Amino acid sequence: MRGKIDSISNAAAAWPEPDQTTRPLLLLPHAEPTEVMALIPDGPPRRFRWRGVTYEVAGAQGPERIGAEWWHLSAPPAPANASARLQALTRDYYLVEDSGGHRFWLYREGLYERETVVARWFVHGLFA
C-alpha cells in the first residue's frame, strides 16, 4: 500500500504548474474600443488612442491568445446564433505600458486574414 501512495504523490509532484498569468486590477465592465497603431497587422500596439487620449507604448508583453473551444467551432452556427459566432473570435491580449508608466490590458479581436481583415482593438482592463 505504501508503494502505491508514493507513486501517486510522485505523479502529483510531476504535474505541471498552472501558468501564472497576470490579470488587471480593474476589469472594465465592457471592453472599450480603441484606435491602435501597430508596425505589422498582427503585432503589438505601438500607440493607441483611448477616451480621447493618445498613449505612446514603451513596452508590451504578449500576446496571450484566448479563443473559443475547438468543439464549438466544428459545426456551422445557426442563423439565430449569429451573435454567438461573433463572440467566438480569437482574442490576442497584450499587457501594455505607456511612456508614463501606466499599464493597460488591450486585446485585438480576430486572427488577421483568418477571422478578420481589419483588426479591432479594445481596452479591457487597467493595472495598478
N, C-alpha and C. Protein backbone atom coordinates (compact mmCIF):
# COMPACT_ATOMS: atom_id res chain seq x y z
N MET A 1 0.83 -1.20 0.00
CA MET A 1 0.00 0.00 0.00
C MET A 1 0.87 1.26 0.00
N ARG A 2 1.97 1.21 0.75
CA ARG A 2 2.86 2.37 0.84
C ARG A 2 3.43 2.73 -0.54
N GLY A 3 3.78 1.74 -1.35
CA GLY A 3 4.33 1.98 -2.69
C GLY A 3 3.33 2.66 -3.60
N LYS A 4 2.06 2.30 -3.43
CA LYS A 4 1.00 2.90 -4.25
C LYS A 4 0.83 4.38 -3.89
N ILE A 5 0.89 4.71 -2.60
CA ILE A 5 0.77 6.10 -2.16
C ILE A 5 1.96 6.92 -2.67
N ASP A 6 3.17 6.35 -2.60
CA ASP A 6 4.35 7.05 -3.10
C ASP A 6 4.25 7.33 -4.59
N SER A 7 3.74 6.36 -5.37
CA SER A 7 3.64 6.58 -6.82
C SER A 7 2.59 7.65 -7.14
N ILE A 8 1.52 7.71 -6.35
CA ILE A 8 0.51 8.75 -6.56
C ILE A 8 1.08 10.11 -6.23
N SER A 9 1.81 10.24 -5.13
CA SER A 9 2.38 11.54 -4.76
C SER A 9 3.47 11.96 -5.74
N ASN A 10 4.23 11.00 -6.29
CA ASN A 10 5.23 11.34 -7.30
C ASN A 10 4.56 11.84 -8.58
N ALA A 11 3.45 11.22 -8.95
CA ALA A 11 2.72 11.66 -10.14
C ALA A 11 2.16 13.06 -9.93
N ALA A 12 1.67 13.35 -8.73
CA ALA A 12 1.13 14.67 -8.44
C ALA A 12 2.24 15.72 -8.46
N ALA A 13 3.43 15.36 -7.97
CA ALA A 13 4.55 16.29 -7.97
C ALA A 13 5.02 16.59 -9.38
N ALA A 14 4.83 15.66 -10.32
CA ALA A 14 5.26 15.86 -11.70
C ALA A 14 4.25 16.66 -12.51
N TRP A 15 3.07 16.89 -11.98
CA TRP A 15 2.04 17.63 -12.70
C TRP A 15 2.52 19.06 -12.92
N PRO A 16 2.40 19.60 -14.12
CA PRO A 16 2.92 20.95 -14.38
C PRO A 16 2.16 22.01 -13.60
N GLU A 17 2.88 23.05 -13.20
CA GLU A 17 2.27 24.18 -12.51
C GLU A 17 1.40 24.95 -13.50
N PRO A 18 0.28 25.48 -13.05
CA PRO A 18 -0.54 26.29 -13.96
C PRO A 18 0.22 27.56 -14.36
N ASP A 19 -0.08 28.07 -15.54
CA ASP A 19 0.55 29.31 -15.99
C ASP A 19 0.20 30.43 -15.03
N GLN A 20 1.19 31.23 -14.71
CA GLN A 20 0.96 32.39 -13.86
C GLN A 20 0.68 33.58 -14.76
N THR A 21 -0.58 33.78 -15.09
CA THR A 21 -0.96 34.87 -15.97
C THR A 21 -1.27 36.11 -15.14
N THR A 22 -0.88 37.23 -15.66
CA THR A 22 -1.12 38.50 -15.00
C THR A 22 -2.47 39.05 -15.45
N ARG A 23 -3.28 39.43 -14.51
CA ARG A 23 -4.59 39.98 -14.80
C ARG A 23 -4.67 41.38 -14.20
N PRO A 24 -5.44 42.27 -14.84
CA PRO A 24 -5.54 43.65 -14.35
C PRO A 24 -6.30 43.74 -13.03
N LEU A 25 -5.94 44.76 -12.27
CA LEU A 25 -6.64 45.03 -11.01
C LEU A 25 -8.06 45.49 -11.29
N LEU A 26 -8.23 46.31 -12.33
CA LEU A 26 -9.54 46.82 -12.71
C LEU A 26 -9.92 46.25 -14.07
N LEU A 27 -10.95 45.43 -14.10
CA LEU A 27 -11.50 44.92 -15.35
C LEU A 27 -12.70 45.79 -15.70
N LEU A 28 -12.67 46.38 -16.89
CA LEU A 28 -13.78 47.26 -17.28
C LEU A 28 -15.07 46.44 -17.42
N PRO A 29 -16.23 47.02 -17.10
CA PRO A 29 -17.50 46.28 -17.23
C PRO A 29 -17.73 45.78 -18.64
N HIS A 30 -17.31 46.58 -19.63
CA HIS A 30 -17.39 46.20 -21.04
C HIS A 30 -16.10 46.69 -21.69
N ALA A 31 -15.49 45.84 -22.50
CA ALA A 31 -14.29 46.26 -23.22
C ALA A 31 -14.64 47.47 -24.08
N GLU A 32 -13.74 48.46 -24.10
CA GLU A 32 -14.00 49.70 -24.83
C GLU A 32 -13.12 49.77 -26.07
N PRO A 33 -13.72 50.12 -27.22
CA PRO A 33 -12.95 50.22 -28.46
C PRO A 33 -11.83 51.25 -28.34
N THR A 34 -10.73 50.98 -29.00
CA THR A 34 -9.60 51.90 -29.03
C THR A 34 -8.99 51.88 -30.43
N GLU A 35 -8.37 52.98 -30.81
CA GLU A 35 -7.66 53.06 -32.08
C GLU A 35 -6.20 52.71 -31.81
N VAL A 36 -5.67 51.76 -32.56
CA VAL A 36 -4.30 51.29 -32.33
C VAL A 36 -3.47 51.42 -33.59
N MET A 37 -2.21 51.81 -33.41
CA MET A 37 -1.25 51.76 -34.48
C MET A 37 -0.22 50.69 -34.11
N ALA A 38 -0.02 49.73 -35.01
CA ALA A 38 0.97 48.68 -34.82
C ALA A 38 1.87 48.65 -36.05
N LEU A 39 3.12 48.19 -35.89
CA LEU A 39 4.04 48.16 -37.02
C LEU A 39 3.63 47.14 -38.06
N ILE A 40 3.06 46.02 -37.61
CA ILE A 40 2.54 45.00 -38.51
C ILE A 40 1.14 44.64 -38.03
N PRO A 41 0.26 44.18 -38.92
CA PRO A 41 -1.15 43.95 -38.53
C PRO A 41 -1.35 43.02 -37.33
N ASP A 42 -0.51 41.99 -37.19
CA ASP A 42 -0.71 41.07 -36.07
C ASP A 42 0.33 41.27 -34.97
N GLY A 43 0.93 42.45 -34.93
CA GLY A 43 1.94 42.76 -33.91
C GLY A 43 1.37 43.52 -32.73
N PRO A 44 2.20 43.77 -31.74
CA PRO A 44 1.74 44.52 -30.56
C PRO A 44 1.52 45.99 -30.88
N PRO A 45 0.73 46.67 -30.08
CA PRO A 45 0.47 48.09 -30.31
C PRO A 45 1.72 48.93 -30.07
N ARG A 46 1.90 49.99 -30.85
CA ARG A 46 2.98 50.96 -30.65
C ARG A 46 2.42 52.27 -30.09
N ARG A 47 1.18 52.52 -30.42
CA ARG A 47 0.49 53.72 -29.95
C ARG A 47 -1.00 53.40 -29.97
N PHE A 48 -1.74 53.98 -29.01
CA PHE A 48 -3.19 53.80 -29.04
C PHE A 48 -3.89 55.04 -28.49
N ARG A 49 -5.10 55.22 -28.95
CA ARG A 49 -5.93 56.35 -28.53
C ARG A 49 -7.18 55.80 -27.85
N TRP A 50 -7.37 56.19 -26.59
CA TRP A 50 -8.49 55.69 -25.80
C TRP A 50 -9.06 56.83 -24.96
N ARG A 51 -10.36 57.00 -25.02
CA ARG A 51 -11.07 58.06 -24.28
C ARG A 51 -10.48 59.44 -24.57
N GLY A 52 -10.10 59.66 -25.84
CA GLY A 52 -9.60 60.96 -26.27
C GLY A 52 -8.14 61.25 -25.96
N VAL A 53 -7.43 60.30 -25.38
CA VAL A 53 -6.02 60.50 -25.03
C VAL A 53 -5.17 59.53 -25.84
N THR A 54 -4.05 60.02 -26.39
CA THR A 54 -3.12 59.16 -27.14
C THR A 54 -1.99 58.73 -26.22
N TYR A 55 -1.71 57.43 -26.22
CA TYR A 55 -0.67 56.84 -25.38
C TYR A 55 0.43 56.26 -26.26
N GLU A 56 1.68 56.61 -25.96
CA GLU A 56 2.84 56.03 -26.64
C GLU A 56 3.25 54.79 -25.85
N VAL A 57 3.36 53.67 -26.52
CA VAL A 57 3.69 52.41 -25.85
C VAL A 57 5.19 52.30 -25.66
N ALA A 58 5.62 52.12 -24.41
CA ALA A 58 7.03 51.94 -24.09
C ALA A 58 7.41 50.47 -24.10
N GLY A 59 6.46 49.60 -23.77
CA GLY A 59 6.71 48.16 -23.76
C GLY A 59 5.42 47.38 -23.79
N ALA A 60 5.51 46.17 -24.33
CA ALA A 60 4.32 45.31 -24.42
C ALA A 60 4.72 43.87 -24.19
N GLN A 61 3.89 43.14 -23.48
CA GLN A 61 4.05 41.69 -23.28
C GLN A 61 2.88 41.01 -23.96
N GLY A 62 3.17 39.93 -24.63
CA GLY A 62 2.10 39.17 -25.24
C GLY A 62 2.45 38.79 -26.66
N PRO A 63 1.53 38.20 -27.34
CA PRO A 63 0.13 38.07 -26.95
C PRO A 63 -0.14 36.82 -26.12
N GLU A 64 -1.20 36.90 -25.34
CA GLU A 64 -1.80 35.74 -24.70
C GLU A 64 -3.06 35.48 -25.49
N ARG A 65 -3.09 34.36 -26.18
CA ARG A 65 -4.21 34.07 -27.07
C ARG A 65 -5.32 33.35 -26.31
N ILE A 66 -6.53 33.90 -26.42
CA ILE A 66 -7.71 33.29 -25.82
C ILE A 66 -8.72 33.09 -26.93
N GLY A 67 -9.09 31.83 -27.17
CA GLY A 67 -10.00 31.52 -28.27
C GLY A 67 -11.12 30.62 -27.81
N ALA A 68 -12.08 30.45 -28.69
CA ALA A 68 -13.21 29.58 -28.41
C ALA A 68 -12.76 28.13 -28.40
N GLU A 69 -13.52 27.30 -27.74
CA GLU A 69 -13.22 25.87 -27.71
C GLU A 69 -13.40 25.31 -29.11
N TRP A 70 -12.46 24.48 -29.55
CA TRP A 70 -12.49 23.96 -30.92
C TRP A 70 -13.77 23.20 -31.22
N TRP A 71 -14.35 22.53 -30.23
CA TRP A 71 -15.55 21.73 -30.50
C TRP A 71 -16.77 22.60 -30.77
N HIS A 72 -16.74 23.86 -30.33
CA HIS A 72 -17.85 24.77 -30.64
C HIS A 72 -17.75 25.31 -32.05
N LEU A 73 -16.56 25.26 -32.64
CA LEU A 73 -16.35 25.80 -33.97
C LEU A 73 -16.54 24.77 -35.06
N SER A 74 -16.72 23.49 -34.71
CA SER A 74 -16.80 22.43 -35.71
C SER A 74 -18.12 22.44 -36.47
N ALA A 75 -19.19 22.91 -35.85
CA ALA A 75 -20.50 22.94 -36.52
C ALA A 75 -20.80 24.37 -36.95
N PRO A 76 -21.40 24.55 -38.13
CA PRO A 76 -21.74 25.91 -38.54
C PRO A 76 -22.80 26.50 -37.62
N PRO A 77 -22.70 27.80 -37.31
CA PRO A 77 -23.66 28.39 -36.39
C PRO A 77 -25.04 28.51 -37.04
N ALA A 78 -26.03 28.36 -36.22
CA ALA A 78 -27.42 28.55 -36.67
C ALA A 78 -27.65 30.04 -36.87
N PRO A 79 -28.52 30.43 -37.81
CA PRO A 79 -28.77 31.86 -38.04
C PRO A 79 -29.18 32.61 -36.77
N ALA A 80 -29.95 31.97 -35.91
CA ALA A 80 -30.37 32.62 -34.67
C ALA A 80 -29.20 32.81 -33.72
N ASN A 81 -28.11 32.10 -33.95
CA ASN A 81 -26.96 32.14 -33.06
C ASN A 81 -25.81 32.92 -33.69
N ALA A 82 -26.09 33.81 -34.62
CA ALA A 82 -25.04 34.55 -35.32
C ALA A 82 -24.26 35.44 -34.37
N SER A 83 -24.92 36.02 -33.36
CA SER A 83 -24.19 36.87 -32.41
C SER A 83 -23.22 36.05 -31.58
N ALA A 84 -23.52 34.81 -31.30
CA ALA A 84 -22.60 33.95 -30.55
C ALA A 84 -21.34 33.69 -31.37
N ARG A 85 -21.49 33.64 -32.70
CA ARG A 85 -20.32 33.43 -33.56
C ARG A 85 -19.37 34.61 -33.46
N LEU A 86 -19.92 35.83 -33.37
CA LEU A 86 -19.06 37.00 -33.21
C LEU A 86 -18.29 36.94 -31.91
N GLN A 87 -18.89 36.39 -30.87
CA GLN A 87 -18.21 36.25 -29.60
C GLN A 87 -17.09 35.22 -29.66
N ALA A 88 -17.11 34.35 -30.67
CA ALA A 88 -16.14 33.27 -30.77
C ALA A 88 -14.84 33.68 -31.43
N LEU A 89 -14.69 34.95 -31.82
CA LEU A 89 -13.44 35.38 -32.43
C LEU A 89 -12.30 35.27 -31.43
N THR A 90 -11.14 34.89 -31.92
CA THR A 90 -9.96 34.77 -31.08
C THR A 90 -9.54 36.16 -30.60
N ARG A 91 -9.05 36.21 -29.37
CA ARG A 91 -8.54 37.46 -28.81
C ARG A 91 -7.07 37.28 -28.47
N ASP A 92 -6.25 38.23 -28.91
CA ASP A 92 -4.84 38.29 -28.52
C ASP A 92 -4.68 39.44 -27.53
N TYR A 93 -4.40 39.08 -26.28
CA TYR A 93 -4.27 40.07 -25.21
C TYR A 93 -2.82 40.51 -25.05
N TYR A 94 -2.65 41.80 -24.80
CA TYR A 94 -1.33 42.38 -24.54
C TYR A 94 -1.37 43.18 -23.26
N LEU A 95 -0.35 43.03 -22.45
CA LEU A 95 -0.13 43.91 -21.31
C LEU A 95 0.76 45.02 -21.84
N VAL A 96 0.25 46.24 -21.84
CA VAL A 96 0.92 47.37 -22.47
C VAL A 96 1.24 48.43 -21.42
N GLU A 97 2.47 48.96 -21.48
CA GLU A 97 2.85 50.05 -20.59
C GLU A 97 3.18 51.27 -21.44
N ASP A 98 2.61 52.41 -21.05
CA ASP A 98 2.88 53.63 -21.82
C ASP A 98 4.13 54.32 -21.28
N SER A 99 4.53 55.41 -21.93
CA SER A 99 5.76 56.12 -21.56
C SER A 99 5.65 56.75 -20.17
N GLY A 100 4.44 56.92 -19.64
CA GLY A 100 4.25 57.47 -18.30
C GLY A 100 4.18 56.41 -17.21
N GLY A 101 4.29 55.14 -17.58
CA GLY A 101 4.26 54.05 -16.60
C GLY A 101 2.88 53.47 -16.35
N HIS A 102 1.86 53.94 -17.04
CA HIS A 102 0.50 53.39 -16.89
C HIS A 102 0.43 52.08 -17.65
N ARG A 103 -0.25 51.11 -17.06
CA ARG A 103 -0.35 49.79 -17.68
C ARG A 103 -1.80 49.46 -18.01
N PHE A 104 -1.99 48.92 -19.22
CA PHE A 104 -3.31 48.62 -19.76
C PHE A 104 -3.35 47.18 -20.25
N TRP A 105 -4.55 46.64 -20.30
CA TRP A 105 -4.78 45.30 -20.85
C TRP A 105 -5.59 45.48 -22.12
N LEU A 106 -4.95 45.34 -23.28
CA LEU A 106 -5.59 45.52 -24.57
C LEU A 106 -5.72 44.18 -25.27
N TYR A 107 -6.71 44.06 -26.13
CA TYR A 107 -6.78 42.87 -26.98
C TYR A 107 -7.17 43.23 -28.40
N ARG A 108 -6.66 42.42 -29.31
CA ARG A 108 -7.02 42.50 -30.72
C ARG A 108 -8.01 41.39 -30.99
N GLU A 109 -9.12 41.72 -31.62
CA GLU A 109 -10.18 40.75 -31.86
C GLU A 109 -10.03 40.14 -33.26
N GLY A 110 -9.96 38.83 -33.32
CA GLY A 110 -9.89 38.12 -34.59
C GLY A 110 -8.48 37.92 -35.09
N LEU A 111 -8.23 36.75 -35.66
CA LEU A 111 -6.93 36.46 -36.24
C LEU A 111 -6.85 37.10 -37.62
N TYR A 112 -5.81 37.89 -37.84
CA TYR A 112 -5.65 38.62 -39.09
C TYR A 112 -5.59 37.67 -40.28
N GLU A 113 -6.38 37.96 -41.28
CA GLU A 113 -6.52 37.22 -42.53
C GLU A 113 -7.09 35.80 -42.38
N ARG A 114 -7.50 35.42 -41.17
CA ARG A 114 -8.19 34.14 -40.99
C ARG A 114 -9.59 34.36 -40.45
N GLU A 115 -9.72 35.24 -39.49
CA GLU A 115 -11.03 35.54 -38.91
C GLU A 115 -11.51 36.95 -39.25
N THR A 116 -10.57 37.81 -39.65
CA THR A 116 -10.91 39.21 -39.93
C THR A 116 -9.89 39.80 -40.90
N VAL A 117 -10.29 40.83 -41.60
CA VAL A 117 -9.36 41.55 -42.47
C VAL A 117 -8.96 42.90 -41.87
N VAL A 118 -9.75 43.36 -40.91
CA VAL A 118 -9.45 44.62 -40.22
C VAL A 118 -9.38 44.33 -38.72
N ALA A 119 -8.24 44.67 -38.14
CA ALA A 119 -8.08 44.44 -36.71
C ALA A 119 -8.94 45.41 -35.91
N ARG A 120 -9.65 44.87 -34.92
CA ARG A 120 -10.41 45.69 -33.97
C ARG A 120 -9.74 45.54 -32.62
N TRP A 121 -9.44 46.66 -31.99
CA TRP A 121 -8.75 46.66 -30.71
C TRP A 121 -9.68 47.20 -29.62
N PHE A 122 -9.43 46.69 -28.39
CA PHE A 122 -10.23 47.10 -27.23
C PHE A 122 -9.35 47.20 -26.00
N VAL A 123 -9.70 48.13 -25.10
CA VAL A 123 -9.09 48.20 -23.76
C VAL A 123 -10.04 47.41 -22.87
N HIS A 124 -9.49 46.42 -22.14
CA HIS A 124 -10.32 45.55 -21.32
C HIS A 124 -10.04 45.73 -19.83
N GLY A 125 -8.89 46.32 -19.48
CA GLY A 125 -8.59 46.47 -18.06
C GLY A 125 -7.41 47.40 -17.82
N LEU A 126 -7.23 47.76 -16.53
CA LEU A 126 -6.15 48.64 -16.11
C LEU A 126 -5.41 47.98 -14.94
N PHE A 127 -4.12 48.16 -14.91
CA PHE A 127 -3.28 47.66 -13.82
C PHE A 127 -2.95 48.79 -12.87
N ALA A 128 -2.65 48.43 -11.62
CA ALA A 128 -2.30 49.44 -10.61
C ALA A 128 -0.87 49.90 -10.81
